[in-house]
Amino acid sequence: MTEAELINGCKLYFPFMSKIAIRYYENKDDAVASINFAFLKLLQNLKQNN
């Protein structure tokens, strides 16, 4: 899987994941920040494992 495909996958799932995170956080900014952090960790770990 290429880097571009991973980025497109993140863009595809971001709205879905944001809706879930908003249910658990008190405000939208915290929810979006948590999703950004999760995707950052995902991409960093994938890079380390390849």
Protein backbone atom coordinates (compact mmCIF):
# COMPACT_ATOMS: atom_id res chain seq x y z
CA MET A 1 0.00 0.00 0.00
CA THR A 2 1.40 3.37 -0.97
CA GLU A 3 1.55 6.47 1.19
CA ALA A 4 -1.05 8.16 -1.03
CA GLU A 5 -3.44 5.24 -0.53
CA LEU A 6 -3.02 5.47 3.25
CA ILE A 7 -3.71 9.20 3.22
CA ASN A 8 -6.80 8.70 1.07
CA GLY A 9 -7.99 6.01 3.48
CA CYS A 10 -7.61 8.42 6.39
CA LYS A 11 -9.58 11.05 4.49
CA LEU A 12 -12.28 8.49 3.74
CA TYR A 13 -12.69 7.38 7.37
CA PHE A 14 -12.19 10.75 9.06
CA PRO A 15 -15.88 11.85 8.92
CA PHE A 16 -17.08 8.48 10.22
CA MET A 17 -14.55 8.40 13.05
CA SER A 18 -15.28 12.04 13.93
CA LYS A 19 -18.97 11.29 14.46
CA ILE A 20 -18.07 8.51 16.87
CA ALA A 21 -15.53 10.64 18.75
CA ILE A 22 -17.99 13.53 19.13
CA ARG A 23 -20.27 11.20 21.10
CA TYR A 24 -17.54 10.64 23.70
CA TYR A 25 -15.99 14.10 23.99
CA GLU A 26 -17.57 17.22 25.42
CA ASN A 27 -16.66 19.41 22.46
CA LYS A 28 -15.92 19.00 18.79
CA ASP A 29 -12.37 20.34 19.01
CA ASP A 30 -11.33 17.61 21.46
CA ALA A 31 -12.98 14.97 19.30
CA VAL A 32 -11.20 16.11 16.14
CA ALA A 33 -7.89 16.38 18.00
CA SER A 34 -8.22 12.80 19.23
CA ILE A 35 -8.94 11.51 15.72
CA ASN A 36 -5.97 13.44 14.32
CA PHE A 37 -3.76 11.97 17.03
CA ALA A 38 -5.03 8.45 16.33
CA PHE A 39 -4.34 8.75 12.60
CA LEU A 40 -0.91 10.22 13.32
CA LYS A 41 -0.04 7.26 15.55
CA LEU A 42 -1.36 4.85 12.92
CA LEU A 43 0.76 6.35 10.16
CA GLN A 44 3.86 6.54 12.38
CA ASN A 45 3.55 2.90 13.41
CA LEU A 46 2.97 1.75 9.85
CA LYS A 47 6.07 3.64 8.74
CA GLN A 48 8.15 2.01 11.51
CA ASN A 49 6.95 -1.48 10.62
CA ASN A 50 7.79 -1.21 6.93
